[in-house]
């Protein structure tokens, strides 16, 4: 059995796409865990238990390395009646900040 060069190229492309997808999944899981923790700390209801990718771009770290910068959006409630938005930003795998809209206190 012979393996052609195009077969190797296609396998490499498929493996690369799978690796990128898997890494993105891990980053999303980190964002989700950070938002859950922040909502618990602030006694907020984390609605839908989900974060959604809002933007993605390349950004340099303070040391000059290029990393993927992602912003995920989420919704929360303080009273159980209104929905408010929040955002979590990650640079690579590191959570940079969690922004929570002004909201009504219980």
N, C-alpha and C. Protein backbone atom coordinates (compact mmCIF):
# COMPACT_ATOMS: atom_id res chain seq x y z
N UNK A 1 0.85 -1.18 0.00
CA UNK A 1 0.00 0.00 0.00
C UNK A 1 0.89 1.23 0.00
N UNK A 2 0.62 2.13 -0.90
CA UNK A 2 1.39 3.36 -1.02
C UNK A 2 0.54 4.54 -0.56
N UNK A 3 1.19 5.47 0.11
CA UNK A 3 0.51 6.69 0.54
C UNK A 3 0.97 7.81 -0.37
N UNK A 4 0.03 8.47 -0.97
CA UNK A 4 0.35 9.57 -1.87
C UNK A 4 0.59 10.84 -1.07
N UNK A 5 1.29 11.77 -1.66
CA UNK A 5 1.60 13.04 -0.99
C UNK A 5 0.31 13.80 -0.66
N UNK A 6 -0.66 13.78 -1.55
CA UNK A 6 -1.93 14.50 -1.29
C UNK A 6 -2.66 13.90 -0.08
N UNK A 7 -2.53 12.59 0.11
CA UNK A 7 -3.15 11.97 1.29
C UNK A 7 -2.52 12.51 2.57
N UNK A 8 -1.21 12.67 2.56
CA UNK A 8 -0.50 13.22 3.72
C UNK A 8 -0.92 14.67 3.96
N UNK A 9 -1.04 15.43 2.87
CA UNK A 9 -1.45 16.83 2.99
C UNK A 9 -2.85 16.91 3.59
N UNK A 10 -3.79 16.09 3.09
CA UNK A 10 -5.16 16.13 3.61
C UNK A 10 -5.22 15.70 5.07
N UNK A 11 -4.47 14.68 5.43
CA UNK A 11 -4.45 14.25 6.83
C UNK A 11 -3.89 15.35 7.73
N UNK A 12 -2.86 16.06 7.26
CA UNK A 12 -2.29 17.15 8.02
C UNK A 12 -3.30 18.29 8.19
N UNK A 13 -4.01 18.61 7.13
CA UNK A 13 -5.02 19.68 7.19
C UNK A 13 -6.14 19.29 8.17
N UNK A 14 -6.61 18.07 8.07
CA UNK A 14 -7.69 17.62 8.95
C UNK A 14 -7.23 17.59 10.41
N UNK A 15 -6.02 17.11 10.66
CA UNK A 15 -5.49 17.08 12.02
C UNK A 15 -5.31 18.49 12.57
N UNK A 16 -4.87 19.42 11.73
CA UNK A 16 -4.69 20.81 12.17
C UNK A 16 -6.02 21.46 12.53
N UNK A 17 -7.01 21.24 11.70
CA UNK A 17 -8.35 21.79 11.98
C UNK A 17 -8.90 21.20 13.27
N UNK A 18 -8.72 19.90 13.47
CA UNK A 18 -9.17 19.25 14.70
C UNK A 18 -8.45 19.81 15.92
N UNK A 19 -7.15 20.05 15.81
CA UNK A 19 -6.38 20.62 16.92
C UNK A 19 -6.82 22.03 17.26
N UNK A 20 -7.08 22.83 16.24
CA UNK A 20 -7.55 24.21 16.47
C UNK A 20 -8.93 24.19 17.13
N UNK A 21 -9.81 23.31 16.65
CA UNK A 21 -11.14 23.21 17.23
C UNK A 21 -11.04 22.78 18.70
N UNK A 22 -10.20 21.78 19.00
CA UNK A 22 -10.06 21.28 20.36
C UNK A 22 -9.52 22.37 21.29
N UNK A 23 -8.53 23.12 20.83
CA UNK A 23 -7.97 24.20 21.65
C UNK A 23 -9.03 25.28 21.91
N UNK A 24 -9.81 25.63 20.89
CA UNK A 24 -10.89 26.60 21.06
C UNK A 24 -11.92 26.13 22.07
N UNK A 25 -12.19 24.84 22.06
CA UNK A 25 -13.12 24.26 23.03
C UNK A 25 -12.57 24.41 24.45
N UNK A 26 -11.29 24.16 24.64
CA UNK A 26 -10.66 24.28 25.95
C UNK A 26 -10.68 25.74 26.44
N UNK A 27 -10.45 26.68 25.53
CA UNK A 27 -10.49 28.10 25.90
C UNK A 27 -11.90 28.48 26.33
N UNK A 28 -12.90 27.99 25.60
CA UNK A 28 -14.29 28.29 25.96
C UNK A 28 -14.63 27.71 27.33
N UNK A 29 -14.14 26.53 27.62
CA UNK A 29 -14.37 25.93 28.93
C UNK A 29 -13.74 26.76 30.05
N UNK A 30 -12.57 27.31 29.79
CA UNK A 30 -11.92 28.17 30.78
C UNK A 30 -12.75 29.44 31.01
N UNK A 31 -13.27 30.03 29.93
CA UNK A 31 -14.11 31.22 30.05
C UNK A 31 -15.38 30.90 30.83
N UNK A 32 -15.97 29.77 30.55
CA UNK A 32 -17.19 29.35 31.24
C UNK A 32 -16.95 29.18 32.74
N UNK A 33 -15.85 28.55 33.09
CA UNK A 33 -15.54 28.36 34.52
C UNK A 33 -15.29 29.69 35.22
N UNK A 34 -14.61 30.62 34.54
CA UNK A 34 -14.34 31.93 35.14
C UNK A 34 -15.63 32.71 35.37
N UNK A 35 -16.55 32.65 34.42
CA UNK A 35 -17.82 33.37 34.56
C UNK A 35 -18.66 32.75 35.67
N UNK A 36 -18.71 31.43 35.73
CA UNK A 36 -19.46 30.76 36.81
C UNK A 36 -18.94 31.20 38.17
N UNK A 37 -17.63 31.20 38.32
CA UNK A 37 -17.02 31.58 39.59
C UNK A 37 -17.35 33.02 39.95
N UNK A 38 -17.23 33.95 38.98
CA UNK A 38 -17.52 35.36 39.25
C UNK A 38 -18.97 35.57 39.62
N UNK A 39 -19.88 34.89 38.92
CA UNK A 39 -21.30 35.02 39.25
C UNK A 39 -21.59 34.50 40.66
N UNK A 40 -20.95 33.42 41.05
CA UNK A 40 -21.12 32.91 42.42
C UNK A 40 -20.58 33.90 43.44
N UNK A 41 -19.41 34.49 43.16
CA UNK A 41 -18.81 35.46 44.08
C UNK A 41 -19.71 36.67 44.29
N UNK A 42 -20.38 37.12 43.21
CA UNK A 42 -21.23 38.30 43.28
C UNK A 42 -22.69 37.98 43.56
N UNK A 43 -23.00 36.72 43.82
CA UNK A 43 -24.37 36.26 44.09
C UNK A 43 -25.30 36.62 42.93
N UNK A 44 -24.88 36.30 41.72
CA UNK A 44 -25.67 36.52 40.51
C UNK A 44 -26.07 35.19 39.91
N UNK A 45 -27.19 35.19 39.19
CA UNK A 45 -27.62 33.98 38.49
C UNK A 45 -26.98 34.00 37.10
N UNK A 46 -26.21 32.98 36.80
CA UNK A 46 -25.58 32.84 35.47
C UNK A 46 -26.62 32.16 34.58
N UNK A 47 -27.23 32.95 33.69
CA UNK A 47 -28.34 32.45 32.88
C UNK A 47 -27.83 31.61 31.71
N UNK A 48 -28.55 30.58 31.36
CA UNK A 48 -28.29 29.69 30.24
C UNK A 48 -27.01 28.86 30.39
N UNK A 49 -26.20 29.13 31.42
CA UNK A 49 -24.97 28.37 31.66
C UNK A 49 -24.13 28.24 30.39
N UNK A 50 -24.00 29.36 29.65
CA UNK A 50 -23.30 29.33 28.38
C UNK A 50 -22.60 30.66 28.12
N UNK A 51 -21.49 30.58 27.39
CA UNK A 51 -20.82 31.78 26.88
C UNK A 51 -20.79 31.65 25.36
N UNK A 52 -20.90 32.78 24.67
CA UNK A 52 -20.92 32.79 23.21
C UNK A 52 -19.79 33.68 22.69
N UNK A 53 -19.07 33.18 21.72
CA UNK A 53 -17.95 33.93 21.13
C UNK A 53 -18.48 35.17 20.42
N UNK A 54 -17.98 36.34 20.80
CA UNK A 54 -18.39 37.61 20.20
C UNK A 54 -17.34 38.14 19.22
N UNK A 55 -16.06 37.96 19.55
CA UNK A 55 -15.01 38.40 18.62
C UNK A 55 -13.74 37.61 18.88
N UNK A 56 -12.92 37.57 17.84
CA UNK A 56 -11.65 36.88 17.92
C UNK A 56 -10.65 37.61 17.03
N UNK A 57 -9.45 37.85 17.55
CA UNK A 57 -8.42 38.52 16.76
C UNK A 57 -7.05 38.21 17.37
N UNK A 58 -6.02 38.54 16.66
CA UNK A 58 -4.66 38.38 17.17
C UNK A 58 -4.26 39.64 17.92
N UNK A 59 -3.58 39.45 19.04
CA UNK A 59 -3.12 40.57 19.84
C UNK A 59 -1.78 40.19 20.46
N UNK A 60 -0.92 41.15 20.66
CA UNK A 60 0.39 40.89 21.25
C UNK A 60 0.33 40.99 22.77
N UNK A 61 1.11 40.11 23.42
CA UNK A 61 1.23 40.17 24.87
C UNK A 61 2.24 41.25 25.22
N UNK A 62 2.43 41.50 26.51
CA UNK A 62 3.41 42.50 26.93
C UNK A 62 4.83 42.10 26.55
N UNK A 63 5.06 40.80 26.38
CA UNK A 63 6.39 40.33 25.97
C UNK A 63 6.55 40.31 24.45
N UNK A 64 5.50 40.69 23.72
CA UNK A 64 5.58 40.79 22.26
C UNK A 64 5.13 39.56 21.50
N UNK A 65 4.68 38.52 22.20
CA UNK A 65 4.21 37.32 21.52
C UNK A 65 2.79 37.50 21.02
N UNK A 66 2.50 36.98 19.84
CA UNK A 66 1.15 37.05 19.29
C UNK A 66 0.30 35.94 19.91
N UNK A 67 -0.86 36.30 20.40
CA UNK A 67 -1.80 35.36 21.00
C UNK A 67 -3.19 35.65 20.43
N UNK A 68 -4.04 34.66 20.53
CA UNK A 68 -5.43 34.84 20.10
C UNK A 68 -6.20 35.52 21.23
N UNK A 69 -6.87 36.62 20.90
CA UNK A 69 -7.66 37.40 21.84
C UNK A 69 -9.13 37.10 21.55
N UNK A 70 -9.83 36.58 22.54
CA UNK A 70 -11.24 36.22 22.37
C UNK A 70 -12.10 36.98 23.37
N UNK A 71 -13.30 37.35 22.90
CA UNK A 71 -14.30 37.96 23.77
C UNK A 71 -15.54 37.08 23.70
N UNK A 72 -15.98 36.62 24.87
CA UNK A 72 -17.19 35.82 24.97
C UNK A 72 -18.24 36.64 25.71
N UNK A 73 -19.48 36.53 25.28
CA UNK A 73 -20.59 37.19 25.95
C UNK A 73 -21.40 36.19 26.76
N UNK A 74 -22.05 36.69 27.78
CA UNK A 74 -22.92 35.85 28.60
C UNK A 74 -24.02 36.72 29.19
N UNK A 75 -25.03 36.09 29.75
CA UNK A 75 -26.12 36.83 30.39
C UNK A 75 -26.27 36.36 31.84
N UNK A 76 -26.68 37.30 32.67
CA UNK A 76 -26.87 37.02 34.08
C UNK A 76 -28.05 37.81 34.59
N UNK A 77 -28.48 37.47 35.80
CA UNK A 77 -29.58 38.19 36.44
C UNK A 77 -29.24 38.36 37.92
N UNK A 78 -29.65 39.49 38.44
CA UNK A 78 -29.43 39.72 39.87
C UNK A 78 -30.70 39.48 40.68
N UNK A 79 -31.84 39.64 40.04
CA UNK A 79 -33.11 39.50 40.75
C UNK A 79 -33.94 38.31 40.25
N UNK A 80 -33.56 37.74 39.12
CA UNK A 80 -34.34 36.67 38.52
C UNK A 80 -35.36 37.17 37.54
N UNK A 81 -35.49 38.49 37.40
CA UNK A 81 -36.49 39.05 36.50
C UNK A 81 -35.87 39.65 35.24
N UNK A 82 -34.79 40.39 35.39
CA UNK A 82 -34.17 41.04 34.23
C UNK A 82 -32.94 40.27 33.80
N UNK A 83 -32.61 40.42 32.51
CA UNK A 83 -31.39 39.82 31.96
C UNK A 83 -30.39 40.94 31.71
N UNK A 84 -29.18 40.72 32.11
CA UNK A 84 -28.09 41.67 31.86
C UNK A 84 -26.98 40.94 31.12
N UNK A 85 -26.15 41.73 30.44
CA UNK A 85 -25.05 41.14 29.68
C UNK A 85 -23.72 41.34 30.38
N UNK A 86 -22.85 40.40 30.10
CA UNK A 86 -21.48 40.50 30.59
C UNK A 86 -20.55 39.97 29.53
N UNK A 87 -19.27 40.24 29.70
CA UNK A 87 -18.26 39.80 28.74
C UNK A 87 -17.05 39.31 29.49
N UNK A 88 -16.42 38.28 28.95
CA UNK A 88 -15.16 37.77 29.49
C UNK A 88 -14.16 37.78 28.34
N UNK A 89 -12.98 38.32 28.60
CA UNK A 89 -11.94 38.38 27.57
C UNK A 89 -10.77 37.49 27.96
N UNK A 90 -10.24 36.80 26.97
CA UNK A 90 -9.10 35.91 27.18
C UNK A 90 -8.02 36.23 26.16
N UNK A 91 -6.80 36.21 26.61
CA UNK A 91 -5.64 36.35 25.73
C UNK A 91 -4.90 35.03 25.81
N UNK A 92 -4.97 34.26 24.74
CA UNK A 92 -4.48 32.89 24.80
C UNK A 92 -5.40 32.11 25.73
N UNK A 93 -4.83 31.47 26.73
CA UNK A 93 -5.63 30.72 27.70
C UNK A 93 -5.87 31.51 28.99
N UNK A 94 -5.38 32.73 29.07
CA UNK A 94 -5.47 33.52 30.29
C UNK A 94 -6.68 34.45 30.28
N UNK A 95 -7.49 34.39 31.33
CA UNK A 95 -8.62 35.31 31.48
C UNK A 95 -8.04 36.69 31.79
N UNK A 96 -8.40 37.68 30.98
CA UNK A 96 -7.92 39.04 31.17
C UNK A 96 -8.85 39.84 32.07
N UNK A 97 -10.15 39.79 31.76
CA UNK A 97 -11.12 40.52 32.58
C UNK A 97 -12.51 39.98 32.36
N UNK A 98 -13.36 40.24 33.33
CA UNK A 98 -14.78 39.91 33.23
C UNK A 98 -15.53 41.21 33.48
N UNK A 99 -16.30 41.62 32.49
CA UNK A 99 -17.05 42.87 32.56
C UNK A 99 -18.51 42.53 32.77
N UNK A 100 -19.09 43.12 33.80
CA UNK A 100 -20.51 42.89 34.12
C UNK A 100 -21.23 44.23 34.03
N UNK A 101 -22.30 44.26 33.24
CA UNK A 101 -23.10 45.49 33.10
C UNK A 101 -23.62 45.95 34.46
N UNK A 102 -23.84 47.24 34.59
CA UNK A 102 -24.51 47.72 35.82
C UNK A 102 -25.89 47.04 35.92
N UNK A 103 -26.25 46.63 37.09
CA UNK A 103 -27.48 45.88 37.28
C UNK A 103 -28.13 46.25 38.61
N UNK A 104 -29.39 45.91 38.70
CA UNK A 104 -30.16 46.17 39.92
C UNK A 104 -29.73 45.18 41.00
N UNK A 105 -29.54 45.68 42.18
CA UNK A 105 -29.22 44.81 43.30
C UNK A 105 -30.49 44.24 43.89
N UNK A 106 -30.39 43.07 44.53
CA UNK A 106 -31.61 42.42 45.05
C UNK A 106 -32.29 43.31 46.06
